[in-house]
N, C-alpha and C. Protein backbone atom coordinates (compact mmCIF):
# COMPACT_ATOMS: atom_id res chain seq x y z
N MET A 1 0.83 -1.08 0.00
CA MET A 1 -0.01 -0.04 0.11
C MET A 1 0.95 1.37 -0.03
N SER A 2 0.52 2.08 -0.97
CA SER A 2 1.33 3.17 -1.09
C SER A 2 0.90 4.40 -0.04
N THR A 3 1.66 5.24 0.42
CA THR A 3 1.49 6.33 1.28
C THR A 3 1.52 7.47 0.66
N ASP A 4 1.18 7.56 -0.69
CA ASP A 4 1.52 8.85 -1.18
C ASP A 4 0.01 9.96 -0.52
N PHE A 5 0.50 11.12 -0.93
CA PHE A 5 -0.51 12.18 -0.41
C PHE A 5 -1.53 12.35 -1.56
N ILE A 6 -2.85 12.17 -1.11
CA ILE A 6 -3.83 12.35 -1.84
C ILE A 6 -4.62 13.76 -1.66
N PRO A 7 -4.33 14.66 -2.33
CA PRO A 7 -5.34 15.93 -1.81
C PRO A 7 -6.85 15.83 -2.03
N PRO A 8 -7.41 16.43 -0.66
CA PRO A 8 -8.85 16.22 -0.21
C PRO A 8 -9.69 16.68 -1.57
N SER A 9 -10.73 16.07 -1.58
CA SER A 9 -11.82 16.74 -2.56
C SER A 9 -12.42 17.80 -2.02
N ASP A 10 -13.37 18.50 -2.68
CA ASP A 10 -13.86 19.77 -2.10
C ASP A 10 -14.93 19.26 -1.14
N ASP A 11 -15.44 18.21 -1.30
CA ASP A 11 -16.57 17.90 -0.22
C ASP A 11 -15.89 17.95 1.05
N ILE A 12 -14.74 16.91 1.03
CA ILE A 12 -14.00 16.75 2.26
C ILE A 12 -13.49 18.10 2.74
N LYS A 13 -13.14 19.25 1.95
CA LYS A 13 -12.77 20.32 2.50
C LYS A 13 -14.11 21.14 3.10
N ARG A 14 -15.14 21.24 2.54
CA ARG A 14 -16.12 21.65 2.96
C ARG A 14 -16.79 21.19 4.29
N LEU A 15 -16.25 19.84 4.38
CA LEU A 15 -16.88 19.19 5.77
C LEU A 15 -15.80 19.68 7.14
N PHE A 16 -14.52 20.15 6.53
CA PHE A 16 -13.70 20.40 7.59
C PHE A 16 -13.96 21.97 7.81
N SER A 17 -14.26 22.63 6.73
CA SER A 17 -14.56 23.97 6.94
C SER A 17 -16.04 24.19 7.77
N LEU A 18 -16.97 23.46 7.92
CA LEU A 18 -17.92 23.27 8.55
C LEU A 18 -17.81 24.11 9.97
N THR A 19 -18.56 24.91 10.49
CA THR A 19 -18.22 25.57 11.99
C THR A 19 -19.71 25.58 12.41
N ILE A 20 -19.71 25.02 13.89
CA ILE A 20 -21.09 25.17 14.59
C ILE A 20 -20.73 26.20 15.52
N PRO A 21 -21.90 27.09 15.63
CA PRO A 21 -21.67 28.01 16.88
C PRO A 21 -21.49 27.38 18.21
N ASP A 22 -20.60 27.92 19.10
CA ASP A 22 -20.67 27.08 20.43
C ASP A 22 -21.28 27.99 21.55
N GLU A 23 -22.39 28.51 21.13
CA GLU A 23 -23.32 29.33 21.90
C GLU A 23 -24.03 28.39 22.94
N GLY A 24 -23.68 28.69 24.39
CA GLY A 24 -24.74 27.97 25.29
C GLY A 24 -24.02 26.61 25.20
N LEU A 25 -22.95 26.19 24.49
CA LEU A 25 -22.47 24.65 24.63
C LEU A 25 -21.12 25.04 25.39
N SER A 26 -21.06 24.00 26.34
CA SER A 26 -19.76 23.74 27.02
C SER A 26 -19.04 22.81 26.37
N LYS A 27 -17.52 23.10 26.26
CA LYS A 27 -16.62 22.35 25.44
C LYS A 27 -15.76 21.37 26.60
N PRO A 28 -16.01 20.22 26.35
CA PRO A 28 -15.86 19.18 27.31
C PRO A 28 -14.05 19.39 27.25
N SER A 29 -13.64 19.64 28.66
CA SER A 29 -12.41 19.77 28.74
C SER A 29 -11.42 18.54 28.83
N SER A 30 -11.50 17.69 29.46
CA SER A 30 -10.65 16.55 29.80
C SER A 30 -11.17 15.28 28.80
N VAL A 31 -11.69 15.43 27.86
CA VAL A 31 -12.50 14.39 27.15
C VAL A 31 -11.47 14.12 26.24
N PRO A 32 -10.93 12.52 26.17
CA PRO A 32 -9.59 12.31 25.01
C PRO A 32 -10.22 12.17 23.64
N LEU A 33 -9.47 12.19 22.95
CA LEU A 33 -9.78 12.42 21.45
C LEU A 33 -10.00 10.68 21.18
N VAL A 34 -10.73 10.43 19.92
CA VAL A 34 -11.13 9.17 20.15
C VAL A 34 -9.87 8.42 19.36
N ASP A 35 -9.49 9.18 18.59
CA ASP A 35 -8.01 8.58 17.74
C ASP A 35 -7.02 8.02 18.76
N ASP A 36 -6.84 8.79 19.81
CA ASP A 36 -6.02 8.46 21.09
C ASP A 36 -6.44 7.00 21.63
N LEU A 37 -7.89 6.92 21.72
CA LEU A 37 -8.16 5.65 22.59
C LEU A 37 -8.26 4.42 21.46
N LEU A 38 -8.56 4.80 20.20
CA LEU A 38 -8.72 3.53 19.14
C LEU A 38 -7.40 3.19 18.46
N PHE A 39 -6.52 4.15 18.22
CA PHE A 39 -5.22 3.84 17.56
C PHE A 39 -3.87 4.04 18.47
N THR A 40 -2.97 3.17 18.15
CA THR A 40 -1.59 3.48 18.77
C THR A 40 -0.89 4.45 17.81
N GLU A 41 0.29 4.83 18.56
CA GLU A 41 1.25 5.91 17.75
C GLU A 41 1.55 5.23 16.65
N ASP A 42 2.08 4.11 16.38
CA ASP A 42 2.26 3.47 15.12
C ASP A 42 1.25 3.42 14.16
N GLU A 43 0.14 3.30 14.35
CA GLU A 43 -1.11 3.19 13.55
C GLU A 43 -1.27 4.87 13.09
N LEU A 44 -1.09 5.70 14.00
CA LEU A 44 -1.50 7.14 13.73
C LEU A 44 -0.46 7.75 12.87
N SER A 45 0.61 7.14 12.99
CA SER A 45 1.89 7.62 11.96
C SER A 45 1.53 7.10 10.54
N LYS A 46 1.07 5.93 10.42
CA LYS A 46 1.03 5.22 8.99
C LYS A 46 -0.34 5.90 8.43
N MET A 47 -1.09 6.31 9.28
CA MET A 47 -2.78 6.76 8.60
C MET A 47 -2.66 7.86 7.88
N PRO A 48 -3.15 7.96 6.79
CA PRO A 48 -3.16 9.32 5.82
C PRO A 48 -4.00 10.46 6.63
N SER A 49 -3.35 11.52 6.39
CA SER A 49 -3.65 12.90 7.19
C SER A 49 -5.17 13.06 7.01
N THR A 50 -5.49 12.86 5.62
CA THR A 50 -6.93 13.35 5.50
C THR A 50 -7.85 12.34 6.23
N LEU A 51 -7.73 11.24 6.17
CA LEU A 51 -8.31 10.13 7.14
C LEU A 51 -8.46 10.66 8.45
N LEU A 52 -7.44 10.97 9.09
CA LEU A 52 -7.12 11.34 10.34
C LEU A 52 -7.90 12.48 10.88
N LYS A 53 -7.80 13.62 9.75
CA LYS A 53 -8.67 14.69 10.28
C LYS A 53 -10.17 14.31 9.96
N ALA A 54 -10.56 13.38 9.00
CA ALA A 54 -11.96 13.12 9.35
C ALA A 54 -12.46 12.32 10.25
N ILE A 55 -11.38 11.66 10.97
CA ILE A 55 -11.88 11.02 12.22
C ILE A 55 -11.97 11.96 13.41
N ARG A 56 -11.08 12.99 13.57
CA ARG A 56 -11.16 13.81 14.58
C ARG A 56 -12.06 14.90 14.31
N ARG A 57 -12.77 15.14 13.17
CA ARG A 57 -13.79 15.94 12.94
C ARG A 57 -14.78 15.25 13.40
N THR A 58 -15.11 13.94 13.00
CA THR A 58 -16.46 13.34 13.33
C THR A 58 -16.29 13.12 14.80
N ASN A 59 -15.27 12.90 15.67
CA ASN A 59 -15.40 13.04 17.02
C ASN A 59 -15.71 14.48 17.44
N THR A 60 -15.19 15.32 17.10
CA THR A 60 -15.58 16.60 17.42
C THR A 60 -17.16 16.92 17.38
N LEU A 61 -17.34 16.45 16.02
CA LEU A 61 -19.16 16.89 15.66
C LEU A 61 -19.78 15.61 16.78
N LEU A 62 -19.36 14.65 17.19
CA LEU A 62 -20.05 13.82 17.95
C LEU A 62 -20.28 14.28 19.37
N LEU A 63 -19.11 15.10 19.87
CA LEU A 63 -19.00 15.65 21.30
C LEU A 63 -19.89 17.09 21.24
N GLN A 64 -19.88 17.54 20.16
CA GLN A 64 -20.89 19.07 19.95
C GLN A 64 -22.17 18.35 20.08
N THR A 65 -22.67 17.24 19.25
CA THR A 65 -23.81 16.77 19.31
C THR A 65 -24.47 16.04 20.69
N GLU A 66 -23.36 15.63 21.44
CA GLU A 66 -23.87 15.10 22.90
C GLU A 66 -24.21 16.16 23.66
N ALA A 67 -23.37 17.58 23.59
CA ALA A 67 -23.52 18.51 24.34
C ALA A 67 -24.89 19.29 24.12
N THR A 68 -25.00 19.25 22.76
CA THR A 68 -26.42 20.04 22.17
C THR A 68 -27.48 19.10 22.71
N LYS A 69 -27.55 17.78 22.88
CA LYS A 69 -28.39 16.88 23.21
C LYS A 69 -28.59 16.97 24.48
N LYS A 70 -28.02 17.57 25.46
CA LYS A 70 -27.99 17.46 26.80
C LYS A 70 -28.76 19.17 27.10
N VAL A 71 -28.28 20.24 26.45
CA VAL A 71 -28.87 21.02 26.31
C VAL A 71 -30.41 21.40 25.94
N ALA A 72 -30.73 20.51 24.70
CA ALA A 72 -31.91 20.37 24.31
C ALA A 72 -32.98 19.53 25.34
N ILE A 73 -32.42 18.67 26.11
CA ILE A 73 -33.02 17.89 26.97
C ILE A 73 -33.40 18.55 28.09
N GLU A 74 -32.48 19.53 28.68
CA GLU A 74 -32.73 20.81 29.71
C GLU A 74 -33.76 21.58 29.20
N MET A 75 -33.71 22.17 27.69
CA MET A 75 -34.60 23.17 27.48
C MET A 75 -35.88 22.72 27.44
N ASN A 76 -36.04 21.29 26.85
CA ASN A 76 -37.42 20.62 26.65
C ASN A 76 -38.01 20.66 28.17
N ASN A 77 -37.33 19.97 29.20
CA ASN A 77 -37.83 20.06 30.46
C ASN A 77 -38.22 21.22 31.08
N GLU A 78 -37.47 22.23 30.95
CA GLU A 78 -38.12 23.50 31.26
C GLU A 78 -39.27 24.08 30.44
N LEU A 79 -39.22 23.55 29.19
CA LEU A 79 -40.50 24.13 28.47
C LEU A 79 -41.84 23.55 28.99
N LYS A 80 -41.40 21.98 29.04
CA LYS A 80 -42.59 21.35 29.88
C LYS A 80 -43.33 22.00 31.29
N GLY A 81 -42.24 22.47 31.97
CA GLY A 81 -42.76 23.10 33.15
C GLY A 81 -43.36 24.26 32.85
N ILE A 82 -43.12 25.01 31.93
CA ILE A 82 -43.55 26.28 31.74
C ILE A 82 -44.80 26.19 31.06
N HIS A 83 -45.01 25.25 30.06
CA HIS A 83 -46.32 24.75 29.46
C HIS A 83 -47.37 24.53 30.48
N CYS A 84 -46.94 23.45 31.40
CA CYS A 84 -47.79 23.05 32.42
C CYS A 84 -48.25 24.59 33.35
N LEU A 85 -47.42 25.40 33.85
CA LEU A 85 -47.74 26.48 34.42
C LEU A 85 -48.80 27.22 33.92
N LEU A 86 -48.44 27.40 32.42
CA LEU A 86 -49.51 28.14 31.35
C LEU A 86 -50.85 27.55 31.61
N VAL A 87 -50.69 26.24 31.30
CA VAL A 87 -51.99 25.63 31.26
C VAL A 87 -52.72 25.85 32.58
N ARG A 88 -52.20 25.60 33.54
CA ARG A 88 -52.86 25.51 35.03
C ARG A 88 -53.52 27.24 35.01
N TYR A 89 -52.64 28.12 34.78
CA TYR A 89 -53.21 29.33 34.74
C TYR A 89 -54.44 29.83 33.82
N ALA A 90 -54.30 29.53 32.72
CA ALA A 90 -55.33 29.37 31.81
C ALA A 90 -56.66 28.85 32.33
N LYS A 91 -56.57 27.84 32.92
CA LYS A 91 -57.74 26.90 33.37
C LYS A 91 -58.30 27.69 34.62
N LYS A 92 -57.30 28.01 35.16
CA LYS A 92 -57.83 29.00 36.49
C LYS A 92 -58.50 30.78 36.10
N THR A 93 -58.13 31.12 35.22
CA THR A 93 -58.53 32.13 34.53
C THR A 93 -59.96 32.07 34.01
N LEU A 94 -59.86 30.60 33.36
CA LEU A 94 -61.05 30.44 32.63
C LEU A 94 -62.26 30.31 33.69
N LYS A 95 -62.00 29.60 34.60
CA LYS A 95 -62.78 29.33 35.88
C LYS A 95 -63.33 30.57 36.44
N SER A 96 -62.60 31.40 36.60
CA SER A 96 -62.74 32.64 37.26
C SER A 96 -63.69 33.50 36.51
N VAL A 97 -63.54 33.44 35.16
CA VAL A 97 -64.40 34.34 34.08
C VAL A 97 -65.99 33.46 34.04
N GLU A 98 -65.87 32.21 34.06
CA GLU A 98 -67.20 31.36 33.77
C GLU A 98 -67.77 31.92 35.28
N LYS A 99 -66.88 31.93 36.44
CA LYS A 99 -67.54 32.18 37.71
C LYS A 99 -68.43 33.79 37.49
N ILE A 100 -67.63 34.46 37.17
CA ILE A 100 -68.22 35.89 36.87
C ILE A 100 -69.38 36.10 36.00
N GLU A 101 -69.13 35.34 34.90
CA GLU A 101 -70.55 35.40 33.87
C GLU A 101 -71.80 34.62 34.36
N SER A 102 -71.30 33.59 35.14
CA SER A 102 -72.77 32.79 35.94
C SER A 102 -73.26 33.66 37.04
N GLU A 103 -72.52 34.41 37.81
CA GLU A 103 -73.00 35.45 38.65
C GLU A 103 -73.70 36.41 38.16
N SER A 104 -73.46 36.94 37.15
CA SER A 104 -73.93 38.34 36.15
C SER A 104 -75.14 37.55 35.74
N ASN A 105 -75.00 36.35 35.13
CA ASN A 105 -76.33 35.89 34.38
C ASN A 105 -77.52 35.35 35.48
N LEU A 106 -76.98 35.25 36.44
CA LEU A 106 -77.93 35.02 37.55
C LEU A 106 -78.87 36.16 37.79
N ASP A 107 -78.17 37.63 37.85
CA ASP A 107 -78.81 38.69 38.43
C ASP A 107 -80.03 38.83 36.84
N LYS A 108 -79.22 38.87 35.84
CA LYS A 108 -79.95 39.13 34.48
C LYS A 108 -81.26 38.41 34.43
N GLY A 109 -80.89 36.81 34.64
CA GLY A 109 -82.01 35.72 34.20
C GLY A 109 -82.91 35.51 35.18
N LYS A 110 -83.40 34.46 35.06
CA LYS A 110 -84.71 34.21 35.94
C LYS A 110 -84.39 34.18 37.58
N ALA A 111 -85.06 34.59 38.42
CA ALA A 111 -84.98 34.30 39.61
C ALA A 111 -84.97 32.84 40.27
N ARG A 112 -84.32 32.55 41.02
CA ARG A 112 -84.04 31.01 41.43
C ARG A 112 -84.21 31.13 42.91
N GLY A 113 -84.59 29.90 43.53
CA GLY A 113 -84.83 29.49 44.75
C GLY A 113 -85.64 30.30 45.65
N PHE A 114 -85.23 31.01 46.66
CA PHE A 114 -86.08 31.72 47.54
C PHE A 114 -86.51 33.08 46.97
N ARG A 115 -85.84 33.46 45.96
CA ARG A 115 -86.38 34.70 45.05
C ARG A 115 -87.54 34.57 44.02
N ARG A 116 -87.47 33.17 43.59
CA ARG A 116 -88.46 32.67 42.54
C ARG A 116 -90.04 33.24 43.10
N GLN A 117 -90.65 34.04 42.09
CA GLN A 117 -92.08 34.27 42.54
C GLN A 117 -92.85 33.08 42.23
N CYS A 118 -94.00 33.10 43.12
CA CYS A 118 -94.98 31.95 43.13
C CYS A 118 -96.29 32.60 43.71
N ARG A 119 -97.21 31.88 43.54
CA ARG A 119 -98.46 32.35 43.90
C ARG A 119 -98.52 32.01 45.72
N ILE A 120 -99.34 32.81 46.36
CA ILE A 120 -99.33 32.78 47.78
C ILE A 120 -100.74 32.50 48.26
N SER A 121 -101.06 32.00 49.08
CA SER A 121 -102.55 31.89 49.73
C SER A 121 -103.06 33.41 49.91
N ASP A 122 -104.52 33.33 49.66
CA ASP A 122 -105.23 34.47 50.18
C ASP A 122 -105.00 34.81 51.50
N ALA A 123 -104.96 34.04 52.26
CA ALA A 123 -104.75 34.36 53.84
C ALA A 123 -103.33 35.13 54.11
N LEU A 124 -102.18 34.60 53.49
CA LEU A 124 -101.22 35.30 53.47
C LEU A 124 -100.95 36.67 52.66
N CYS A 125 -101.83 36.63 51.66
CA CYS A 125 -102.22 38.19 50.75
C CYS A 125 -102.84 39.13 51.90
N VAL A 126 -103.67 38.60 52.38
CA VAL A 126 -104.36 39.74 53.43
C VAL A 126 -103.48 39.99 54.59
N PHE A 127 -102.59 39.08 55.30
CA PHE A 127 -101.87 39.42 56.01
C PHE A 127 -100.90 40.41 56.01
N MET A 128 -100.32 40.10 54.21
CA MET A 128 -99.36 41.35 53.79
C MET A 128 -99.86 42.49 53.05
N GLY A 129 -101.15 42.30 53.02
CA GLY A 129 -101.97 43.73 52.54
C GLY A 129 -101.64 43.68 50.78
N LEU A 130 -101.75 42.46 50.17
CA LEU A 130 -101.36 42.49 48.91
C LEU A 130 -103.00 42.00 48.18
N ALA A 131 -103.14 42.33 46.98
CA ALA A 131 -104.33 41.78 46.50
C ALA A 131 -104.46 40.29 46.44
N HIS A 132 -105.46 39.54 46.27
CA HIS A 132 -105.95 38.19 46.30
C HIS A 132 -105.27 37.74 44.93
N GLY A 133 -104.48 36.35 45.02
CA GLY A 133 -103.64 35.86 43.96
C GLY A 133 -102.30 36.32 43.34
N THR A 134 -102.05 37.19 44.36
CA THR A 134 -100.50 38.04 44.13
C THR A 134 -99.64 36.94 44.06
N MET A 135 -98.55 37.22 43.17
CA MET A 135 -97.19 36.56 43.22
C MET A 135 -96.44 36.94 44.18
N SER A 136 -95.78 36.25 44.83
CA SER A 136 -94.69 36.75 45.95
C SER A 136 -93.47 35.80 45.48
N SER A 137 -92.42 36.06 46.30
CA SER A 137 -91.45 35.55 46.68
C SER A 137 -91.12 35.01 48.21
N ARG A 138 -90.31 33.95 48.51
CA ARG A 138 -90.30 33.61 49.94
C ARG A 138 -89.59 34.88 50.59
N VAL A 139 -88.73 35.41 49.98
CA VAL A 139 -88.00 36.48 50.54
C VAL A 139 -88.82 37.59 50.86
N GLU A 140 -89.64 37.99 50.12
CA GLU A 140 -90.37 38.99 50.34
C GLU A 140 -91.43 38.61 51.54
N VAL A 141 -91.86 37.45 51.51
CA VAL A 141 -92.60 37.24 52.59
C VAL A 141 -91.96 37.19 53.97
N ASN A 142 -90.97 36.53 53.82
CA ASN A 142 -89.79 36.62 55.00
C ASN A 142 -89.89 37.97 55.65
N HIS A 143 -89.49 39.07 54.67
CA HIS A 143 -89.32 40.59 55.01
C HIS A 143 -90.58 41.05 55.84
N ALA A 144 -91.81 40.77 55.10
CA ALA A 144 -93.03 40.90 55.64
C ALA A 144 -93.35 40.54 57.20
N ILE A 145 -92.89 39.22 57.30
CA ILE A 145 -93.12 38.61 58.62
C ILE A 145 -92.22 39.15 59.61
N ASN A 146 -90.88 39.27 59.39
CA ASN A 146 -89.98 39.76 60.45
C ASN A 146 -90.18 41.34 60.40
N SER A 147 -90.82 42.00 59.76
CA SER A 147 -91.16 43.22 60.32
C SER A 147 -92.35 43.22 60.72
N TYR A 148 -93.43 42.21 60.80
CA TYR A 148 -94.58 42.28 61.54
C TYR A 148 -94.17 42.06 62.98
N ILE A 149 -93.32 41.20 63.02
CA ILE A 149 -92.72 40.47 64.64
C ILE A 149 -91.89 41.95 65.25
N LYS A 150 -91.11 42.53 64.33
CA LYS A 150 -90.41 43.74 65.15
C LYS A 150 -91.44 44.70 65.51
N GLU A 151 -92.77 44.94 64.49
CA GLU A 151 -93.53 46.11 64.94
C GLU A 151 -94.22 45.67 66.14
N HIS A 152 -94.66 44.39 66.41
CA HIS A 152 -95.59 44.22 67.58
C HIS A 152 -94.90 43.51 68.36
N GLN A 153 -93.65 43.60 68.61
CA GLN A 153 -92.42 42.82 69.67
C GLN A 153 -93.11 41.62 70.12
N LEU A 154 -92.96 40.63 69.09
CA LEU A 154 -93.54 39.28 69.46
C LEU A 154 -92.13 38.35 69.61
N VAL A 155 -90.93 39.16 69.70
CA VAL A 155 -90.06 38.26 70.30
C VAL A 155 -89.80 38.01 71.73
N ASP A 156 -89.53 36.89 72.36
CA ASP A 156 -89.47 36.65 73.91
C ASP A 156 -88.06 37.35 74.38
N LYS A 157 -88.56 37.96 75.33
CA LYS A 157 -87.70 38.91 76.10
C LYS A 157 -86.50 38.00 76.78
N GLU A 158 -86.53 36.74 76.98
CA GLU A 158 -85.65 35.98 77.76
C GLU A 158 -84.75 35.33 76.55
N ASN A 159 -85.22 34.86 75.67
CA ASN A 159 -84.67 34.31 74.51
C ASN A 159 -85.10 34.86 73.23
N ALA A 160 -84.03 35.70 72.52
CA ALA A 160 -84.36 36.42 71.37
C ALA A 160 -84.42 35.40 70.18
N GLN A 161 -84.08 34.20 70.20
CA GLN A 161 -84.65 33.55 69.20
C GLN A 161 -85.83 32.97 68.86
N LYS A 162 -86.56 32.80 70.01
CA LYS A 162 -88.08 32.35 70.44
C LYS A 162 -88.84 33.51 69.97
N ILE A 163 -90.07 33.04 69.13
CA ILE A 163 -91.20 34.11 68.97
C ILE A 163 -92.25 33.71 69.68
N VAL A 164 -93.00 34.69 70.31
CA VAL A 164 -94.38 34.42 70.82
C VAL A 164 -95.38 35.16 70.02
N PRO A 165 -96.03 34.29 69.15
CA PRO A 165 -96.98 34.80 68.09
C PRO A 165 -98.10 35.22 68.86
N ASP A 166 -98.98 36.41 68.03
CA ASP A 166 -100.32 37.10 68.59
C ASP A 166 -101.36 36.09 67.79
N GLU A 167 -102.49 36.22 67.88
CA GLU A 167 -103.73 35.66 67.40
C GLU A 167 -103.46 35.67 65.59
N LYS A 168 -103.19 37.00 65.33
CA LYS A 168 -103.40 37.19 63.72
C LYS A 168 -102.15 36.23 63.21
N PHE A 169 -101.02 36.13 63.89
CA PHE A 169 -99.86 35.47 63.57
C PHE A 169 -100.02 34.13 63.54
N TRP A 170 -100.63 33.63 64.55
CA TRP A 170 -101.01 31.91 64.91
C TRP A 170 -101.94 31.58 63.71
N SER A 171 -102.87 32.65 63.14
CA SER A 171 -103.70 32.18 61.95
C SER A 171 -103.05 31.84 60.81
N LEU A 172 -101.61 32.25 60.56
CA LEU A 172 -101.03 32.07 59.51
C LEU A 172 -100.29 30.78 59.57
N LEU A 173 -99.83 30.44 60.70
CA LEU A 173 -99.06 29.31 61.14
C LEU A 173 -99.83 27.94 61.06
N SER A 174 -99.29 26.80 60.39
CA SER A 174 -100.01 25.40 60.31
C SER A 174 -100.32 25.07 61.72
N GLU A 175 -101.39 24.11 62.04
CA GLU A 175 -101.52 23.50 63.07
C GLU A 175 -100.52 22.76 64.06
N SER A 176 -99.60 22.07 63.25
CA SER A 176 -98.29 21.35 63.88
C SER A 176 -97.73 22.62 64.59
N ALA A 177 -97.70 23.85 64.41
CA ALA A 177 -96.86 24.71 64.90
C ALA A 177 -97.20 24.94 66.43
N ARG A 178 -98.67 24.52 66.75
CA ARG A 178 -98.93 25.04 68.12
C ARG A 178 -98.38 24.03 68.98
N GLY A 179 -97.84 24.43 70.12
CA GLY A 179 -97.43 23.62 70.81
C GLY A 179 -95.90 23.34 70.66
N ASN A 180 -95.25 24.00 69.86
CA ASN A 180 -93.79 24.10 69.29
C ASN A 180 -93.18 25.55 69.62
N LYS A 181 -92.24 25.26 69.92
CA LYS A 181 -91.31 26.40 69.90
C LYS A 181 -91.01 27.17 68.49
N ILE A 182 -91.37 28.31 68.22
CA ILE A 182 -91.34 29.12 67.03
C ILE A 182 -89.98 30.08 66.95
N THR A 183 -89.15 29.68 65.92
CA THR A 183 -87.97 30.47 65.90
C THR A 183 -88.17 31.26 64.70
N TYR A 184 -87.24 31.73 64.23
CA TYR A 184 -86.94 32.46 62.97
C TYR A 184 -86.50 31.34 61.79
N PHE A 185 -85.84 30.57 62.45
CA PHE A 185 -85.54 29.21 61.50
C PHE A 185 -86.39 28.37 61.23
N SER A 186 -87.58 28.30 62.19
CA SER A 186 -88.67 27.22 61.85
C SER A 186 -89.98 27.94 61.35
N ILE A 187 -89.99 29.33 60.96
CA ILE A 187 -91.02 29.94 60.46
C ILE A 187 -91.61 29.36 59.16
N GLN A 188 -90.45 29.37 58.30
CA GLN A 188 -90.71 28.58 56.93
C GLN A 188 -91.51 27.48 56.95
N LYS A 189 -91.01 26.43 57.76
CA LYS A 189 -91.65 25.08 57.91
C LYS A 189 -93.00 25.35 58.05
N TYR A 190 -93.46 26.17 59.05
CA TYR A 190 -95.07 26.42 59.29
C TYR A 190 -95.77 27.32 58.08
N LEU A 191 -94.95 27.93 57.30
CA LEU A 191 -95.53 28.54 56.44
C LEU A 191 -95.74 28.00 54.76
N LYS A 192 -95.26 26.92 54.74
CA LYS A 192 -95.05 26.52 53.34
C LYS A 192 -96.39 26.07 52.91
N HIS A 193 -97.45 25.83 53.65
CA HIS A 193 -98.84 25.11 52.94
C HIS A 193 -99.31 26.74 52.61
N HIS A 194 -98.79 27.92 52.49
CA HIS A 194 -99.21 29.26 51.86
C HIS A 194 -98.85 29.45 50.46
N TYR A 195 -97.73 28.64 49.99
CA TYR A 195 -97.03 28.70 48.62
C TYR A 195 -97.82 27.81 47.70
N ILE A 196 -98.46 28.44 46.84
CA ILE A 196 -99.10 27.55 45.77
C ILE A 196 -98.50 27.28 44.68
């Protein structure tokens, strides 16, 4: 085998002139070259210079690729964390927006629960001073009853929770109320037969 020098082709020259920017990449400091590990001194001296340069260049490219791979993995992990935080924040924002919209829609929309208008009995209409067959909510009835209790001082002096009804108020309450303790919390239970 002859060891005459063969000049490298243009493709090989272009391969050696390729430069990869080292921004953000750390160069390995004490990493031995591949040719030091794979070849003896005698083999290196017999090897054509072009082949030796190609081996050293591929070794450098492999090291740079490995460093780039590590940086890419770190960046990928960081991006996953940021993505997770953004998704969590977006869901929290959407939830708060939906809550605000639902609260505003409740005010605009139909009244629900105790604020819903329903027909009340004629006896309750007379008690509240309304026309027969009037629609009223439980909240309005509660306000009328509470104001009646305060005006006529029907609260027990010893226990402020207990109500001592007069005859007009007893006529509104159901028969099961007689003999039981009447409180602000139990009034609705004894008035439920007035909601039609």
